[in-house]
PDB file of N, CA and C in Angstrom:
ATOM      1  N   UNK A   1     132.338  85.912  84.831  1.00  0.00           N
ATOM      2  CA  UNK A   1     131.414  86.901  85.343  1.00  0.00           C
ATOM      3  C   UNK A   1     131.377  86.813  86.872  1.00  0.00           C
ATOM      4  N   UNK A   2     131.471  87.944  87.525  1.00  0.00           N
ATOM      5  CA  UNK A   2     131.509  88.023  88.996  1.00  0.00           C
ATOM      6  C   UNK A   2     130.114  87.797  89.577  1.00  0.00           C
ATOM      7  N   UNK A   3     130.026  86.899  90.568  1.00  0.00           N
ATOM      8  CA  UNK A   3     128.777  86.665  91.286  1.00  0.00           C
ATOM      9  C   UNK A   3     128.802  87.522  92.553  1.00  0.00           C
ATOM     10  N   UNK A   4     128.114  88.666  92.517  1.00  0.00           N
ATOM     11  CA  UNK A   4     128.124  89.608  93.630  1.00  0.00           C
ATOM     12  C   UNK A   4     127.358  89.088  94.849  1.00  0.00           C
ATOM     13  N   UNK A   5     126.579  88.027  94.684  1.00  0.00           N
ATOM     14  CA  UNK A   5     125.814  87.461  95.798  1.00  0.00           C
ATOM     15  C   UNK A   5     126.513  86.267  96.446  1.00  0.00           C
ATOM     16  N   UNK A   6     127.672  85.892  95.943  1.00  0.00           N
ATOM     17  CA  UNK A   6     128.406  84.762  96.500  1.00  0.00           C
ATOM     18  C   UNK A   6     128.715  85.033  97.976  1.00  0.00           C
ATOM     19  N   UNK A   7     128.362  84.087  98.834  1.00  0.00           N
ATOM     20  CA  UNK A   7     128.606  84.220 100.270  1.00  0.00           C
ATOM     21  C   UNK A   7     127.494  84.935 101.021  1.00  0.00           C
ATOM     22  N   UNK A   8     126.444  85.314 100.309  1.00  0.00           N
ATOM     23  CA  UNK A   8     125.319  86.021 100.934  1.00  0.00           C
ATOM     24  C   UNK A   8     124.078  85.116 100.919  1.00  0.00           C
ATOM     25  N   UNK A   9     124.001  84.207 101.891  1.00  0.00           N
ATOM     26  CA  UNK A   9     122.808  83.360 102.016  1.00  0.00           C
ATOM     27  C   UNK A   9     121.623  84.172 102.530  1.00  0.00           C
ATOM     28  N   UNK A  10     121.888  85.188 103.332  1.00  0.00           N
ATOM     29  CA  UNK A  10     120.855  86.133 103.777  1.00  0.00           C
ATOM     30  C   UNK A  10     120.685  87.103 102.610  1.00  0.00           C
ATOM     31  N   UNK A  11     119.577  86.970 101.893  1.00  0.00           N
ATOM     32  CA  UNK A  11     119.406  87.649 100.610  1.00  0.00           C
ATOM     33  C   UNK A  11     118.873  89.072 100.760  1.00  0.00           C
ATOM     34  N   UNK A  12     118.824  89.749  99.644  1.00  0.00           N
ATOM     35  CA  UNK A  12     118.241  91.095  99.567  1.00  0.00           C
ATOM     36  C   UNK A  12     116.803  91.069 100.090  1.00  0.00           C
ATOM     37  N   UNK A  13     116.039  90.042  99.699  1.00  0.00           N
ATOM     38  CA  UNK A  13     114.657  89.900 100.188  1.00  0.00           C
ATOM     39  C   UNK A  13     114.620  89.712 101.701  1.00  0.00           C
ATOM     40  N   UNK A  14     115.586  88.979 102.238  1.00  0.00           N
ATOM     41  CA  UNK A  14     115.667  88.792 103.694  1.00  0.00           C
ATOM     42  C   UNK A  14     115.957  90.112 104.407  1.00  0.00           C
ATOM     43  N   UNK A  15     116.784  90.953 103.792  1.00  0.00           N
ATOM     44  CA  UNK A  15     117.077  92.263 104.373  1.00  0.00           C
ATOM     45  C   UNK A  15     115.796  93.090 104.445  1.00  0.00           C
ATOM     46  N   UNK A  16     114.996  93.066 103.365  1.00  0.00           N
ATOM     47  CA  UNK A  16     113.746  93.820 103.378  1.00  0.00           C
ATOM     48  C   UNK A  16     112.750  93.255 104.386  1.00  0.00           C
ATOM     49  N   UNK A  17     112.752  91.940 104.587  1.00  0.00           N
ATOM     50  CA  UNK A  17     111.908  91.339 105.631  1.00  0.00           C
ATOM     51  C   UNK A  17     112.364  91.823 107.015  1.00  0.00           C
ATOM     52  N   UNK A  18     113.684  91.923 107.227  1.00  0.00           N
ATOM     53  CA  UNK A  18     114.233  92.466 108.470  1.00  0.00           C
ATOM     54  C   UNK A  18     113.755  93.901 108.680  1.00  0.00           C
ATOM     55  N   UNK A  19     113.818  94.715 107.621  1.00  0.00           N
ATOM     56  CA  UNK A  19     113.372  96.106 107.710  1.00  0.00           C
ATOM     57  C   UNK A  19     111.892  96.181 108.082  1.00  0.00           C
ATOM     58  N   UNK A  20     111.077  95.353 107.454  1.00  0.00           N
ATOM     59  CA  UNK A  20     109.643  95.334 107.769  1.00  0.00           C
ATOM     60  C   UNK A  20     109.405  94.916 109.217  1.00  0.00           C
ATOM     61  N   UNK A  21     110.131  93.911 109.681  1.00  0.00           N
ATOM     62  CA  UNK A  21     109.982  93.439 111.058  1.00  0.00           C
ATOM     63  C   UNK A  21     110.344  94.537 112.057  1.00  0.00           C
ATOM     64  N   UNK A  22     111.374  95.312 111.742  1.00  0.00           N
ATOM     65  CA  UNK A  22     111.824  96.400 112.616  1.00  0.00           C
ATOM     66  C   UNK A  22     111.061  97.704 112.355  1.00  0.00           C
ATOM     67  N   UNK A  23     110.124  97.668 111.405  1.00  0.00           N
ATOM     68  CA  UNK A  23     109.320  98.837 111.017  1.00  0.00           C
ATOM     69  C   UNK A  23     110.186 100.004 110.563  1.00  0.00           C
ATOM     70  N   UNK A  24     111.201  99.669 109.753  1.00  0.00           N
ATOM     71  CA  UNK A  24     112.089 100.676 109.173  1.00  0.00           C
ATOM     72  C   UNK A  24     111.579 100.982 107.768  1.00  0.00           C
ATOM     73  N   UNK A  25     111.326 102.258 107.492  1.00  0.00           N
ATOM     74  CA  UNK A  25     110.778 102.664 106.198  1.00  0.00           C
ATOM     75  C   UNK A  25     111.880 102.720 105.144  1.00  0.00           C
ATOM     76  N   UNK A  26     111.494 102.424 103.899  1.00  0.00           N
ATOM     77  CA  UNK A  26     112.469 102.399 102.807  1.00  0.00           C
ATOM     78  C   UNK A  26     112.063 103.271 101.626  1.00  0.00           C
ATOM     79  N   UNK A  27     111.232 104.278 101.846  1.00  0.00           N
ATOM     80  CA  UNK A  27     110.823 105.162 100.755  1.00  0.00           C
ATOM     81  C   UNK A  27     111.984 106.071 100.338  1.00  0.00           C
ATOM     82  N   UNK A  28     111.847 106.712  99.177  1.00  0.00           N
ATOM     83  CA  UNK A  28     112.908 107.586  98.672  1.00  0.00           C
ATOM     84  C   UNK A  28     113.256 108.704  99.653  1.00  0.00           C
ATOM     85  N   UNK A  29     112.257 109.264 100.325  1.00  0.00           N
ATOM     86  CA  UNK A  29     112.490 110.377 101.237  1.00  0.00           C
ATOM     87  C   UNK A  29     113.042 109.939 102.589  1.00  0.00           C
ATOM     88  N   UNK A  30     113.022 108.634 102.868  1.00  0.00           N
ATOM     89  CA  UNK A  30     113.459 108.132 104.171  1.00  0.00           C
ATOM     90  C   UNK A  30     114.979 108.054 104.284  1.00  0.00           C
ATOM     91  N   UNK A  31     115.676 108.138 103.193  1.00  0.00           N
ATOM     92  CA  UNK A  31     117.141 108.097 103.164  1.00  0.00           C
ATOM     93  C   UNK A  31     117.700 106.829 103.814  1.00  0.00           C
ATOM     94  N   UNK A  32     117.097 105.694 103.516  1.00  0.00           N
ATOM     95  CA  UNK A  32     117.601 104.410 104.001  1.00  0.00           C
ATOM     96  C   UNK A  32     118.663 103.910 103.042  1.00  0.00           C
ATOM     97  N   UNK A  33     119.829 103.539 103.572  1.00  0.00           N
ATOM     98  CA  UNK A  33     120.913 103.000 102.750  1.00  0.00           C
ATOM     99  C   UNK A  33     121.088 101.530 103.091  1.00  0.00           C
ATOM    100  N   UNK A  34     121.213 100.707 102.061  1.00  0.00           N
ATOM    101  CA  UNK A  34     121.461  99.275 102.229  1.00  0.00           C
ATOM    102  C   UNK A  34     122.621  98.919 101.316  1.00  0.00           C
ATOM    103  N   UNK A  35     123.662  98.315 101.883  1.00  0.00           N
ATOM    104  CA  UNK A  35     124.788  97.931 101.045  1.00  0.00           C
ATOM    105  C   UNK A  35     125.536  96.757 101.663  1.00  0.00           C
ATOM    106  N   UNK A  36     126.352  96.122 100.834  1.00  0.00           N
ATOM    107  CA  UNK A  36     127.155  94.981 101.256  1.00  0.00           C
ATOM    108  C   UNK A  36     128.591  95.448 101.475  1.00  0.00           C
ATOM    109  N   UNK A  37     129.226  94.906 102.504  1.00  0.00           N
ATOM    110  CA  UNK A  37     130.663  95.136 102.689  1.00  0.00           C
ATOM    111  C   UNK A  37     131.323  93.847 103.165  1.00  0.00           C
ATOM    112  N   UNK A  38     132.596  93.757 102.905  1.00  0.00           N
ATOM    113  CA  UNK A  38     133.416  92.669 103.432  1.00  0.00           C
ATOM    114  C   UNK A  38     134.478  93.307 104.304  1.00  0.00           C
ATOM    115  N   UNK A  39     134.523  92.894 105.565  1.00  0.00           N
ATOM    116  CA  UNK A  39     135.472  93.446 106.521  1.00  0.00           C
ATOM    117  C   UNK A  39     136.267  92.299 107.125  1.00  0.00           C
ATOM    118  N   UNK A  40     137.574  92.295 106.895  1.00  0.00           N
ATOM    119  CA  UNK A  40     138.443  91.210 107.375  1.00  0.00           C
ATOM    120  C   UNK A  40     137.936  89.845 106.917  1.00  0.00           C
ATOM    121  N   UNK A  41     137.452  89.769 105.676  1.00  0.00           N
ATOM    122  CA  UNK A  41     136.978  88.512 105.105  1.00  0.00           C
ATOM    123  C   UNK A  41     135.555  88.135 105.485  1.00  0.00           C
ATOM    124  N   UNK A  42     134.910  88.900 106.364  1.00  0.00           N
ATOM    125  CA  UNK A  42     133.533  88.623 106.813  1.00  0.00           C
ATOM    126  C   UNK A  42     132.563  89.461 105.993  1.00  0.00           C
ATOM    127  N   UNK A  43     131.639  88.787 105.312  1.00  0.00           N
ATOM    128  CA  UNK A  43     130.662  89.473 104.482  1.00  0.00           C
ATOM    129  C   UNK A  43     129.461  89.882 105.335  1.00  0.00           C
ATOM    130  N   UNK A  44     129.024  91.116 105.121  1.00  0.00           N
ATOM    131  CA  UNK A  44     127.911  91.644 105.903  1.00  0.00           C
ATOM    132  C   UNK A  44     127.031  92.544 105.039  1.00  0.00           C
ATOM    133  N   UNK A  45     125.831  92.755 105.533  1.00  0.00           N
ATOM    134  CA  UNK A  45     124.930  93.784 105.029  1.00  0.00           C
ATOM    135  C   UNK A  45     124.992  94.941 106.009  1.00  0.00           C
ATOM    136  N   UNK A  46     124.900  96.168 105.500  1.00  0.00           N
ATOM    137  CA  UNK A  46     124.802  97.352 106.352  1.00  0.00           C
ATOM    138  C   UNK A  46     123.497  98.056 106.004  1.00  0.00           C
ATOM    139  N   UNK A  47     122.706  98.357 107.028  1.00  0.00           N
ATOM    140  CA  UNK A  47     121.459  99.102 106.873  1.00  0.00           C
ATOM    141  C   UNK A  47     121.587 100.362 107.699  1.00  0.00           C
ATOM    142  N   UNK A  48     121.460 101.504 107.034  1.00  0.00           N
ATOM    143  CA  UNK A  48     121.619 102.795 107.707  1.00  0.00           C
ATOM    144  C   UNK A  48     120.390 103.648 107.411  1.00  0.00           C
ATOM    145  N   UNK A  49     119.796 104.201 108.470  1.00  0.00           N
ATOM    146  CA  UNK A  49     118.602 105.023 108.272  1.00  0.00           C
ATOM    147  C   UNK A  49     118.524 106.084 109.348  1.00  0.00           C
ATOM    148  N   UNK A  50     117.673 107.059 109.108  1.00  0.00           N
ATOM    149  CA  UNK A  50     117.498 108.141 110.064  1.00  0.00           C
ATOM    150  C   UNK A  50     116.173 107.970 110.789  1.00  0.00           C
ATOM    151  N   UNK A  51     116.243 107.935 112.107  1.00  0.00           N
ATOM    152  CA  UNK A  51     115.055 107.837 112.952  1.00  0.00           C
ATOM    153  C   UNK A  51     114.780 109.234 113.489  1.00  0.00           C
ATOM    154  N   UNK A  52     113.849 109.935 112.835  1.00  0.00           N
ATOM    155  CA  UNK A  52     113.592 111.324 113.192  1.00  0.00           C
ATOM    156  C   UNK A  52     112.926 111.460 114.564  1.00  0.00           C
ATOM    157  N   UNK A  53     112.167 110.451 114.991  1.00  0.00           N
ATOM    158  CA  UNK A  53     111.543 110.501 116.314  1.00  0.00           C
ATOM    159  C   UNK A  53     112.617 110.506 117.410  1.00  0.00           C
ATOM    160  N   UNK A  54     113.664 109.723 117.212  1.00  0.00           N
ATOM    161  CA  UNK A  54     114.763 109.656 118.178  1.00  0.00           C
ATOM    162  C   UNK A  54     115.861 110.683 117.871  1.00  0.00           C
ATOM    163  N   UNK A  55     115.760 111.327 116.704  1.00  0.00           N
ATOM    164  CA  UNK A  55     116.779 112.282 116.233  1.00  0.00           C
ATOM    165  C   UNK A  55     118.150 111.614 116.155  1.00  0.00           C
ATOM    166  N   UNK A  56     118.153 110.417 115.551  1.00  0.00           N
ATOM    167  CA  UNK A  56     119.375 109.626 115.459  1.00  0.00           C
ATOM    168  C   UNK A  56     119.518 109.021 114.065  1.00  0.00           C
ATOM    169  N   UNK A  57     120.765 108.789 113.673  1.00  0.00           N
ATOM    170  CA  UNK A  57     121.073 107.925 112.542  1.00  0.00           C
ATOM    171  C   UNK A  57     121.378 106.558 113.138  1.00  0.00           C
ATOM    172  N   UNK A  58     120.685 105.529 112.661  1.00  0.00           N
ATOM    173  CA  UNK A  58     120.837 104.172 113.189  1.00  0.00           C
ATOM    174  C   UNK A  58     121.473 103.301 112.109  1.00  0.00           C
ATOM    175  N   UNK A  59     122.463 102.517 112.505  1.00  0.00           N
ATOM    176  CA  UNK A  59     123.131 101.608 111.578  1.00  0.00           C
ATOM    177  C   UNK A  59     123.118 100.200 112.161  1.00  0.00           C
ATOM    178  N   UNK A  60     122.631  99.257 111.352  1.00  0.00           N
ATOM    179  CA  UNK A  60     122.697  97.831 111.690  1.00  0.00           C
ATOM    180  C   UNK A  60     123.711  97.177 110.772  1.00  0.00           C
ATOM    181  N   UNK A  61     124.542  96.304 111.319  1.00  0.00           N
ATOM    182  CA  UNK A  61     125.413  95.451 110.520  1.00  0.00           C
ATOM    183  C   UNK A  61     124.892  94.031 110.714  1.00  0.00           C
ATOM    184  N   UNK A  62     124.518  93.397 109.598  1.00  0.00           N
ATOM    185  CA  UNK A  62     123.915  92.063 109.630  1.00  0.00           C
ATOM    186  C   UNK A  62     124.847  91.034 109.010  1.00  0.00           C
ATOM    187  N   UNK A  63     124.905  89.853 109.617  1.00  0.00           N
ATOM    188  CA  UNK A  63     125.678  88.750 109.067  1.00  0.00           C
ATOM    189  C   UNK A  63     125.103  88.335 107.715  1.00  0.00           C
ATOM    190  N   UNK A  64     125.958  88.088 106.733  1.00  0.00           N
ATOM    191  CA  UNK A  64     125.525  87.741 105.382  1.00  0.00           C
ATOM    192  C   UNK A  64     125.000  86.311 105.272  1.00  0.00           C
ATOM    193  N   UNK A  65     125.265  85.488 106.273  1.00  0.00           N
ATOM    194  CA  UNK A  65     124.815  84.091 106.226  1.00  0.00           C
ATOM    195  C   UNK A  65     123.419  83.934 106.809  1.00  0.00           C
ATOM    196  N   UNK A  66     123.193  84.487 108.016  1.00  0.00           N
ATOM    197  CA  UNK A  66     121.913  84.245 108.686  1.00  0.00           C
ATOM    198  C   UNK A  66     121.180  85.514 109.129  1.00  0.00           C
ATOM    199  N   UNK A  67     121.752  86.686 108.875  1.00  0.00           N
ATOM    200  CA  UNK A  67     121.083  87.934 109.219  1.00  0.00           C
ATOM    201  C   UNK A  67     121.190  88.335 110.680  1.00  0.00           C
ATOM    202  N   UNK A  68     122.027  87.647 111.443  1.00  0.00           N
ATOM    203  CA  UNK A  68     122.237  88.020 112.842  1.00  0.00           C
ATOM    204  C   UNK A  68     122.736  89.461 112.919  1.00  0.00           C
ATOM    205  N   UNK A  69     122.220  90.228 113.866  1.00  0.00           N
ATOM    206  CA  UNK A  69     122.697  91.593 114.073  1.00  0.00           C
ATOM    207  C   UNK A  69     124.065  91.519 114.739  1.00  0.00           C
ATOM    208  N   UNK A  70     125.096  91.929 114.004  1.00  0.00           N
ATOM    209  CA  UNK A  70     126.458  91.907 114.525  1.00  0.00           C
ATOM    210  C   UNK A  70     126.795  93.186 115.276  1.00  0.00           C
ATOM    211  N   UNK A  71     126.152  94.271 114.861  1.00  0.00           N
ATOM    212  CA  UNK A  71     126.430  95.553 115.488  1.00  0.00           C
ATOM    213  C   UNK A  71     125.255  96.495 115.227  1.00  0.00           C
ATOM    214  N   UNK A  72     124.997  97.354 116.185  1.00  0.00           N
ATOM    215  CA  UNK A  72     124.003  98.411 116.027  1.00  0.00           C
ATOM    216  C   UNK A  72     124.586  99.664 116.646  1.00  0.00           C
ATOM    217  N   UNK A  73     124.575 100.759 115.873  1.00  0.00           N
ATOM    218  CA  UNK A  73     125.046 102.028 116.400  1.00  0.00           C
ATOM    219  C   UNK A  73     123.972 103.089 116.199  1.00  0.00           C
ATOM    220  N   UNK A  74     123.962 104.058 117.095  1.00  0.00           N
ATOM    221  CA  UNK A  74     123.050 105.195 117.011  1.00  0.00           C
ATOM    222  C   UNK A  74     123.873 106.451 117.226  1.00  0.00           C
ATOM    223  N   UNK A  75     123.739 107.390 116.293  1.00  0.00           N
ATOM    224  CA  UNK A  75     124.438 108.666 116.390  1.00  0.00           C
ATOM    225  C   UNK A  75     123.433 109.793 116.239  1.00  0.00           C
ATOM    226  N   UNK A  76     123.661 110.880 116.966  1.00  0.00           N
ATOM    227  CA  UNK A  76     122.775 112.029 116.857  1.00  0.00           C
ATOM    228  C   UNK A  76     122.792 112.577 115.439  1.00  0.00           C
ATOM    229  N   UNK A  77     121.618 112.988 114.965  1.00  0.00           N
ATOM    230  CA  UNK A  77     121.544 113.621 113.657  1.00  0.00           C
ATOM    231  C   UNK A  77     122.324 114.926 113.686  1.00  0.00           C
ATOM    232  N   UNK A  78     123.034 115.235 112.611  1.00  0.00           N
ATOM    233  CA  UNK A  78     123.865 116.443 112.617  1.00  0.00           C
ATOM    234  C   UNK A  78     123.101 117.727 112.320  1.00  0.00           C
ATOM    235  N   UNK A  79     121.805 117.612 112.048  1.00  0.00           N
ATOM    236  CA  UNK A  79     121.031 118.783 111.679  1.00  0.00           C
ATOM    237  C   UNK A  79     119.825 118.951 112.600  1.00  0.00           C
ATOM    238  N   UNK A  80     119.279 120.153 112.635  1.00  0.00           N
ATOM    239  CA  UNK A  80     118.051 120.410 113.372  1.00  0.00           C
ATOM    240  C   UNK A  80     116.891 119.854 112.576  1.00  0.00           C
ATOM    241  N   UNK A  81     115.981 119.163 113.213  1.00  0.00           N
ATOM    242  CA  UNK A  81     114.832 118.559 112.562  1.00  0.00           C
ATOM    243  C   UNK A  81     113.767 119.624 112.308  1.00  0.00           C
ATOM    244  N   UNK A  82     113.230 119.649 111.098  1.00  0.00           N
ATOM    245  CA  UNK A  82     112.143 120.586 110.761  1.00  0.00           C
ATOM    246  C   UNK A  82     110.968 120.342 111.702  1.00  0.00           C
ATOM    247  N   UNK A  83     110.376 121.411 112.185  1.00  0.00           N
ATOM    248  CA  UNK A  83     109.240 121.287 113.079  1.00  0.00           C
ATOM    249  C   UNK A  83     109.638 121.108 114.534  1.00  0.00           C
ATOM    250  N   UNK A  84     110.933 121.050 114.806  1.00  0.00           N
ATOM    251  CA  UNK A  84     111.409 120.924 116.185  1.00  0.00           C
ATOM    252  C   UNK A  84     111.014 122.194 116.938  1.00  0.00           C
ATOM    253  N   UNK A  85     110.318 122.056 118.044  1.00  0.00           N
ATOM    254  CA  UNK A  85     109.796 123.219 118.776  1.00  0.00           C
ATOM    255  C   UNK A  85     110.875 123.916 119.597  1.00  0.00           C
ATOM    256  N   UNK A  86     112.038 123.293 119.752  1.00  0.00           N
ATOM    257  CA  UNK A  86     113.105 123.917 120.527  1.00  0.00           C
ATOM    258  C   UNK A  86     113.898 124.873 119.637  1.00  0.00           C
ATOM    259  N   UNK A  87     114.308 125.999 120.172  1.00  0.00           N
ATOM    260  CA  UNK A  87     115.103 126.973 119.398  1.00  0.00           C
ATOM    261  C   UNK A  87     116.567 126.812 119.651  1.00  0.00           C
TER     262      UNK A  87
END
């Protein structure tokens, strides 16, 4: 049986603690994505969410061992935000 958590000392609960610390919402409507990837043998967590105040999609890549932020990217949202006063 495959152990999908092998190599992930920074647990799912730790990821949610990180989200709470950064005040990132995880409700169904918030469109927060959390997933594991292995890139060149390095295991990581990826947290992707939309920050409507900044009008950006933000992605954090976290180390699977200690939760260190390995990368953070911000990209403009591809859509117009509802309630945006600009035409």
